C-alpha atoms as a PDB file:
ATOM      1  CA  MET A   1     -19.125   5.952 -17.380  1.00  0.00           C
ATOM      2  CA  ASN A   2     -15.863   6.603 -19.289  1.00  0.00           C
ATOM      3  CA  LYS A   3     -15.012   2.999 -20.093  1.00  0.00           C
ATOM      4  CA  ASP A   4     -11.640   3.571 -21.592  1.00  0.00           C
ATOM      5  CA  GLN A   5     -10.386   5.302 -18.121  1.00  0.00           C
ATOM      6  CA  VAL A   6     -11.954   2.411 -16.008  1.00  0.00           C
ATOM      7  CA  LYS A   7      -9.714   0.097 -18.052  1.00  0.00           C
ATOM      8  CA  GLU A   8      -6.877   2.184 -17.562  1.00  0.00           C
ATOM      9  CA  LEU A   9      -7.476   2.513 -13.574  1.00  0.00           C
ATOM     10  CA  LEU A  10      -8.012  -1.114 -13.751  1.00  0.00           C
ATOM     11  CA  LEU A  11      -4.207  -1.310 -15.179  1.00  0.00           C
ATOM     12  CA  GLN A  12      -2.991   0.927 -13.327  1.00  0.00           C
ATOM     13  CA  ALA A  13      -3.940  -1.124  -9.848  1.00  0.00           C
ATOM     14  CA  LEU A  14      -2.792  -4.223 -11.292  1.00  0.00           C
ATOM     15  CA  GLU A  15       0.583  -2.302 -12.198  1.00  0.00           C
ATOM     16  CA  THR A  16       0.507  -0.607  -8.297  1.00  0.00           C
ATOM     17  CA  GLU A  17       0.038  -4.139  -6.863  1.00  0.00           C
ATOM     18  CA  ALA A  18       2.641  -6.111  -8.849  1.00  0.00           C
ATOM     19  CA  GLY A  19       4.886  -3.184  -8.069  1.00  0.00           C
ATOM     20  CA  GLY A  20       3.562  -3.471  -4.291  1.00  0.00           C
ATOM     21  CA  VAL A  21       5.188  -6.999  -4.413  1.00  0.00           C
ATOM     22  CA  GLN A  22       8.690  -5.728  -5.062  1.00  0.00           C
ATOM     23  CA  ILE A  23       8.437  -2.677  -2.728  1.00  0.00           C
ATOM     24  CA  TYR A  24       7.170  -4.985   0.294  1.00  0.00           C
ATOM     25  CA  THR A  25      10.329  -7.674  -0.441  1.00  0.00           C
ATOM     26  CA  ALA A  26      12.759  -4.718  -0.681  1.00  0.00           C
ATOM     27  CA  ALA A  27      11.103  -3.183   2.403  1.00  0.00           C
ATOM     28  CA  LEU A  28      11.719  -6.561   4.222  1.00  0.00           C
ATOM     29  CA  GLU A  29      15.194  -6.545   3.465  1.00  0.00           C
ATOM     30  CA  CYS A  30      15.422  -3.033   5.208  1.00  0.00           C
ATOM     31  CA  ALA A  31      13.282  -3.798   8.206  1.00  0.00           C
ATOM     32  CA  GLU A  32      15.056  -3.746  11.485  1.00  0.00           C
ATOM     33  CA  ASN A  33      12.156  -4.153  13.932  1.00  0.00           C
ATOM     34  CA  GLU A  34      10.838  -7.681  14.168  1.00  0.00           C
ATOM     35  CA  GLU A  35       7.233  -6.414  14.656  1.00  0.00           C
ATOM     36  CA  LEU A  36       7.635  -4.466  11.386  1.00  0.00           C
ATOM     37  CA  ARG A  37       8.863  -7.107   9.579  1.00  0.00           C
ATOM     38  CA  GLN A  38       6.116  -9.162  10.535  1.00  0.00           C
ATOM     39  CA  GLU A  39       3.339  -6.817   9.314  1.00  0.00           C
ATOM     40  CA  TRP A  40       5.260  -6.082   6.395  1.00  0.00           C
ATOM     41  CA  ALA A  41       5.357 -10.137   5.176  1.00  0.00           C
ATOM     42  CA  GLU A  42       1.780 -10.176   6.120  1.00  0.00           C
ATOM     43  CA  TYR A  43       0.970  -7.142   3.798  1.00  0.00           C
ATOM     44  CA  LEU A  44       3.296  -8.758   0.930  1.00  0.00           C
ATOM     45  CA  GLU A  45       1.181 -12.122   1.296  1.00  0.00           C
ATOM     46  CA  GLN A  46      -2.020  -9.578   1.196  1.00  0.00           C
ATOM     47  CA  THR A  47      -0.589  -7.732  -1.804  1.00  0.00           C
ATOM     48  CA  ARG A  48       0.314 -10.743  -4.078  1.00  0.00           C
ATOM     49  CA  GLU A  49      -3.659 -11.629  -3.274  1.00  0.00           C
ATOM     50  CA  HIS A  50      -4.609  -8.387  -4.598  1.00  0.00           C
ATOM     51  CA  GLU A  51      -2.725  -8.551  -7.610  1.00  0.00           C
ATOM     52  CA  GLU A  52      -4.082 -12.390  -8.494  1.00  0.00           C
ATOM     53  CA  THR A  53      -7.570 -10.647  -7.775  1.00  0.00           C
ATOM     54  CA  LEU A  54      -6.949  -7.812 -10.446  1.00  0.00           C
ATOM     55  CA  ARG A  55      -5.607 -10.407 -12.860  1.00  0.00           C
ATOM     56  CA  ASN A  56      -9.024 -12.168 -12.337  1.00  0.00           C
ATOM     57  CA  ILE A  57     -10.976  -9.088 -12.444  1.00  0.00           C
ATOM     58  CA  LEU A  58      -9.622  -8.349 -15.539  1.00  0.00           C
ATOM     59  CA  ALA A  59      -9.915 -11.681 -17.247  1.00  0.00           C
ATOM     60  CA  GLU A  60     -13.613 -11.734 -16.571  1.00  0.00           C
ATOM     61  CA  LEU A  61     -13.842  -8.317 -18.474  1.00  0.00           C
ATOM     62  CA  GLU A  62     -11.590  -9.749 -21.228  1.00  0.00           C
ATOM     63  CA  ILE A  63      -9.389  -6.771 -20.521  1.00  0.00           C
ATOM     64  CA  ASP A  64      -5.300  -8.154 -21.401  1.00  0.00           C
ATOM     65  CA  PRO A  65      -3.447  -7.793 -17.773  1.00  0.00           C
ATOM     66  CA  GLU A  66      -0.165  -7.044 -19.885  1.00  0.00           C
ATOM     67  CA  GLU A  67      -1.809  -4.020 -22.089  1.00  0.00           C
ATOM     68  CA  GLU A  68       0.737  -1.271 -21.856  1.00  0.00           C
ATOM     69  CA  THR A  69      -0.819   2.252 -21.369  1.00  0.00           C
ATOM     70  CA  PRO A  70       1.277   5.440 -20.809  1.00  0.00           C
ATOM     71  CA  GLY A  71      -0.240   5.828 -17.182  1.00  0.00           C
ATOM     72  CA  ARG A  72       0.336   2.280 -16.375  1.00  0.00           C
ATOM     73  CA  GLN A  73       4.112   2.971 -17.296  1.00  0.00           C
ATOM     74  CA  VAL A  74       4.095   5.961 -15.019  1.00  0.00           C
ATOM     75  CA  VAL A  75       3.143   3.949 -12.154  1.00  0.00           C
ATOM     76  CA  ARG A  76       5.718   1.796 -13.063  1.00  0.00           C
ATOM     77  CA  HIS A  77       8.488   4.017 -13.246  1.00  0.00           C
ATOM     78  CA  LEU A  78       7.397   5.537  -9.836  1.00  0.00           C
ATOM     79  CA  GLY A  79       7.623   1.992  -8.407  1.00  0.00           C
ATOM     80  CA  GLU A  80      11.129   1.777  -9.767  1.00  0.00           C
ATOM     81  CA  SER A  81      12.018   4.611  -8.375  1.00  0.00           C
ATOM     82  CA  LEU A  82      10.809   3.484  -4.895  1.00  0.00           C
ATOM     83  CA  LEU A  83      12.820   0.637  -5.100  1.00  0.00           C
ATOM     84  CA  LYS A  84      16.159   2.430  -6.232  1.00  0.00           C
ATOM     85  CA  ALA A  85      15.530   4.683  -3.081  1.00  0.00           C
ATOM     86  CA  MET A  86      15.498   1.437  -0.887  1.00  0.00           C
ATOM     87  CA  GLU A  87      18.667   0.150  -2.731  1.00  0.00           C
ATOM     88  CA  MET A  88      20.296   3.477  -2.168  1.00  0.00           C
ATOM     89  CA  ALA A  89      19.419   3.211   1.512  1.00  0.00           C
ATOM     90  CA  ILE A  90      20.876  -0.055   1.730  1.00  0.00           C
ATOM     91  CA  GLN A  91      24.009   0.616   0.127  1.00  0.00           C
ATOM     92  CA  SER A  92      24.811   3.428   2.781  1.00  0.00           C
ATOM     93  CA  GLY A  93      25.188   1.239   5.187  1.00  0.00           C
ATOM     94  CA  ASP A  94      22.855   2.794   7.702  1.00  0.00           C
ATOM     95  CA  ARG A  95      20.164   0.101   8.852  1.00  0.00           C
ATOM     96  CA  ALA A  96      18.242   2.435  10.758  1.00  0.00           C
ATOM     97  CA  GLY A  97      18.071   4.939   8.168  1.00  0.00           C
ATOM     98  CA  ALA A  98      17.629   2.028   5.598  1.00  0.00           C
ATOM     99  CA  GLN A  99      14.191   1.206   7.593  1.00  0.00           C
ATOM    100  CA  LEU A 100      13.252   4.564   7.809  1.00  0.00           C
ATOM    101  CA  VAL A 101      13.611   5.348   3.749  1.00  0.00           C
ATOM    102  CA  ALA A 102      11.925   1.871   3.109  1.00  0.00           C
ATOM    103  CA  SER A 103       9.039   2.856   5.885  1.00  0.00           C
ATOM    104  CA  GLU A 104       8.372   6.000   3.657  1.00  0.00           C
ATOM    105  CA  CYS A 105       8.779   4.295   0.340  1.00  0.00           C
ATOM    106  CA  VAL A 106       5.875   1.696   1.513  1.00  0.00           C
ATOM    107  CA  VAL A 107       3.873   4.704   2.515  1.00  0.00           C
ATOM    108  CA  LEU A 108       4.094   6.494  -0.886  1.00  0.00           C
ATOM    109  CA  ALA A 109       3.271   3.013  -2.770  1.00  0.00           C
ATOM    110  CA  GLU A 110       0.373   2.740  -0.408  1.00  0.00           C
ATOM    111  CA  THR A 111      -0.920   5.940  -0.887  1.00  0.00           C
ATOM    112  CA  LYS A 112      -1.614   5.171  -4.639  1.00  0.00           C
ATOM    113  CA  ASP A 113      -2.896   1.902  -3.997  1.00  0.00           C
ATOM    114  CA  HIS A 114      -5.500   2.964  -1.727  1.00  0.00           C
ATOM    115  CA  HIS A 115      -6.574   5.812  -3.988  1.00  0.00           C
ATOM    116  CA  ASN A 116      -7.042   2.963  -6.525  1.00  0.00           C
ATOM    117  CA  TRP A 117      -9.260   0.693  -4.489  1.00  0.00           C
ATOM    118  CA  GLY A 118     -10.998   3.700  -3.212  1.00  0.00           C
ATOM    119  CA  LEU A 119     -11.812   4.679  -7.176  1.00  0.00           C
ATOM    120  CA  LEU A 120     -12.477   1.012  -7.685  1.00  0.00           C
ATOM    121  CA  GLY A 121     -14.935   1.086  -5.020  1.00  0.00           C
ATOM    122  CA  GLU A 122     -16.866   3.983  -6.557  1.00  0.00           C
ATOM    123  CA  ILE A 123     -17.276   2.113  -9.711  1.00  0.00           C
ATOM    124  CA  ALA A 124     -19.042  -0.663  -8.150  1.00  0.00           C
ATOM    125  CA  GLN A 125     -21.430   1.320  -6.486  1.00  0.00           C
ATOM    126  CA  GLN A 126     -22.085   3.362  -9.696  1.00  0.00           C
ATOM    127  CA  SER A 127     -21.917   0.485 -12.289  1.00  0.00           C
ATOM    128  CA  LYS A 128     -23.867  -2.540 -13.507  1.00  0.00           C
ATOM    129  CA  GLY A 129     -23.572  -5.717 -14.897  1.00  0.00           C
ATOM    130  CA  ALA A 130     -20.210  -7.509 -15.238  1.00  0.00           C
ATOM    131  CA  LEU A 131     -18.034  -4.805 -13.992  1.00  0.00           C
ATOM    132  CA  ALA A 132     -20.028  -4.016 -10.766  1.00  0.00           C
ATOM    133  CA  GLN A 133     -20.380  -7.826  -9.820  1.00  0.00           C
ATOM    134  CA  ALA A 134     -16.508  -8.246 -10.528  1.00  0.00           C
ATOM    135  CA  LEU A 135     -15.762  -5.081  -8.392  1.00  0.00           C
ATOM    136  CA  LYS A 136     -18.328  -5.623  -5.393  1.00  0.00           C
ATOM    137  CA  GLU A 137     -17.690  -9.510  -4.852  1.00  0.00           C
ATOM    138  CA  THR A 138     -13.640  -8.273  -3.329  1.00  0.00           C
ATOM    139  CA  TYR A 139     -13.570  -4.672  -2.686  1.00  0.00           C
ATOM    140  CA  GLU A 140     -14.758  -4.456   0.997  1.00  0.00           C
ATOM    141  CA  ASP A 141     -12.256  -6.806   1.743  1.00  0.00           C
ATOM    142  CA  ILE A 142      -9.525  -5.422   0.231  1.00  0.00           C
ATOM    143  CA  GLU A 143     -10.372  -1.724   0.759  1.00  0.00           C
ATOM    144  CA  GLU A 144     -10.338  -2.860   4.557  1.00  0.00           C
ATOM    145  CA  GLN A 145      -6.775  -4.284   4.080  1.00  0.00           C
ATOM    146  CA  GLU A 146      -5.477  -1.249   1.927  1.00  0.00           C
ATOM    147  CA  ASP A 147      -6.906   1.250   4.666  1.00  0.00           C
ATOM    148  CA  GLN A 148      -4.647  -0.942   6.899  1.00  0.00           C
ATOM    149  CA  HIS A 149      -1.407  -1.066   5.063  1.00  0.00           C
ATOM    150  CA  LEU A 150      -1.557   2.676   4.530  1.00  0.00           C
ATOM    151  CA  TYR A 151      -2.363   3.920   8.004  1.00  0.00           C
ATOM    152  CA  HIS A 152      -0.254   1.411   9.957  1.00  0.00           C
ATOM    153  CA  THR A 153       2.699   1.909   7.903  1.00  0.00           C
ATOM    154  CA  ARG A 154       2.011   5.684   8.094  1.00  0.00           C
ATOM    155  CA  GLY A 155       2.416   5.073  11.772  1.00  0.00           C
ATOM    156  CA  TRP A 156       5.479   3.100  11.819  1.00  0.00           C
ATOM    157  CA  SER A 157       6.924   5.580   9.478  1.00  0.00           C
ATOM    158  CA  ARG A 158       6.237   8.584  12.046  1.00  0.00           C
ATOM    159  CA  GLU A 159       7.185   6.505  14.967  1.00  0.00           C
ATOM    160  CA  LEU A 160      10.441   5.636  13.405  1.00  0.00           C
ATOM    161  CA  TRP A 161      11.228   9.170  12.439  1.00  0.00           C
ATOM    162  CA  MET A 162      10.564  10.184  16.230  1.00  0.00           C
ATOM    163  CA  GLU A 163      12.893   7.454  17.305  1.00  0.00           C
ATOM    164  CA  SER A 164      15.864   8.812  15.030  1.00  0.00           C
ATOM    165  CA  LEU A 165      15.432  12.374  16.044  1.00  0.00           C
ATOM    166  CA  GLY A 166      15.349  11.106  19.507  1.00  0.00           C
ATOM    167  CA  LEU A 167      12.256  12.238  20.648  1.00  0.00           C
ATOM    168  CA  PRO A 168       9.911   9.755  22.510  1.00  0.00           C
ATOM    169  CA  ALA A 169       8.411   6.878  20.037  1.00  0.00           C
ATOM    170  CA  VAL A 170       5.731   4.417  20.376  1.00  0.00           C
ATOM    171  CA  LEU A 171       6.693   1.088  18.685  1.00  0.00           C
ATOM    172  CA  PRO A 172       4.349  -0.229  17.361  1.00  0.00           C
ATOM    173  CA  PRO A 173       2.623   2.743  16.788  1.00  0.00           C
ATOM    174  CA  PRO A 174      -0.710   3.246  17.908  1.00  0.00           C
ATOM    175  CA  GLU A 175      -2.650   2.640  14.648  1.00  0.00           C
ATOM    176  CA  GLU A 176      -1.040  -1.322  15.313  1.00  0.00           C
ATOM    177  CA  GLU A 177      -2.114  -1.245  18.978  1.00  0.00           C
ATOM    178  CA  LYS A 178      -5.741  -0.025  17.896  1.00  0.00           C
ATOM    179  CA  ASP A 179      -6.175  -1.850  14.697  1.00  0.00           C
ATOM    180  CA  VAL A 180      -6.968   1.078  12.788  1.00  0.00           C
ATOM    181  CA  LYS A 181      -9.000   0.884   9.622  1.00  0.00           C
ATOM    182  CA  SER A 182      -9.950   4.322   9.015  1.00  0.00           C
ATOM    183  CA  ALA A 183      -8.715   7.866   8.742  1.00  0.00           C
ATOM    184  CA  ILE A 184     -10.655   9.144  11.582  1.00  0.00           C
ATOM    185  CA  GLY A 185      -9.359   6.199  13.592  1.00  0.00           C
ATOM    186  CA  ALA A 186      -5.868   6.847  12.302  1.00  0.00           C
ATOM    187  CA  GLU A 187      -6.233  10.555  13.328  1.00  0.00           C
ATOM    188  CA  ARG A 188      -7.506   9.337  17.052  1.00  0.00           C
ATOM    189  CA  ALA A 189      -4.566   7.073  17.428  1.00  0.00           C
ATOM    190  CA  LYS A 190      -2.131   9.767  16.519  1.00  0.00           C
ATOM    191  CA  LYS A 191      -3.390  12.003  19.124  1.00  0.00           C
ATOM    192  CA  ALA A 192      -3.705   9.034  21.468  1.00  0.00           C
ATOM    193  CA  ARG A 193       0.275   8.337  21.425  1.00  0.00           C
ATOM    194  CA  LYS A 194       0.806  11.261  23.724  1.00  0.00           C
ATOM    195  CA  LYS A 195      -1.096   8.971  26.420  1.00  0.00           C
ATOM    196  CA  MET A 196       1.049   5.935  25.474  1.00  0.00           C
ATOM    197  CA  LEU A 197       4.487   7.405  25.701  1.00  0.00           C
END
């Protein structure tokens, strides 16, 4: 296993979680739907916990959590771009539009976050020693939360778009109602939405 790339992934994952805290904070300012606001507030707290967990993992592995890498800088730039997009949406004065933009920004951020944890799970399964132990202890709990963050917010974004288009929407989305925690579950929920209209 390439130890330098493992370290790079861990640092990018930390940057993603730290940026996620900022993204959820901004998204909450855009949220108009009370159920969505409650869900994002929960995800914000979980994201703070994930950031702390990664800091602890890095400490166990004796990796400086403040170390800068080109990849980490790119992740930070992408996160700042999402924050700027939400700021622009709020400044437009269209609250419903800002909520929609925020949902898309959260989906984009959670896609990277979900990807990171999937890769960290692979490392946990295929490594030994301190690295495997540090990751295995937290991976399963966090991976389930990351699934929920991504699939539920993707459902919210789709349904908010449907509503904005003047088409029938299911709010909260089926992913929320069915407590989806997998890609297969998300696809089933999406197909079931027609019965929920």
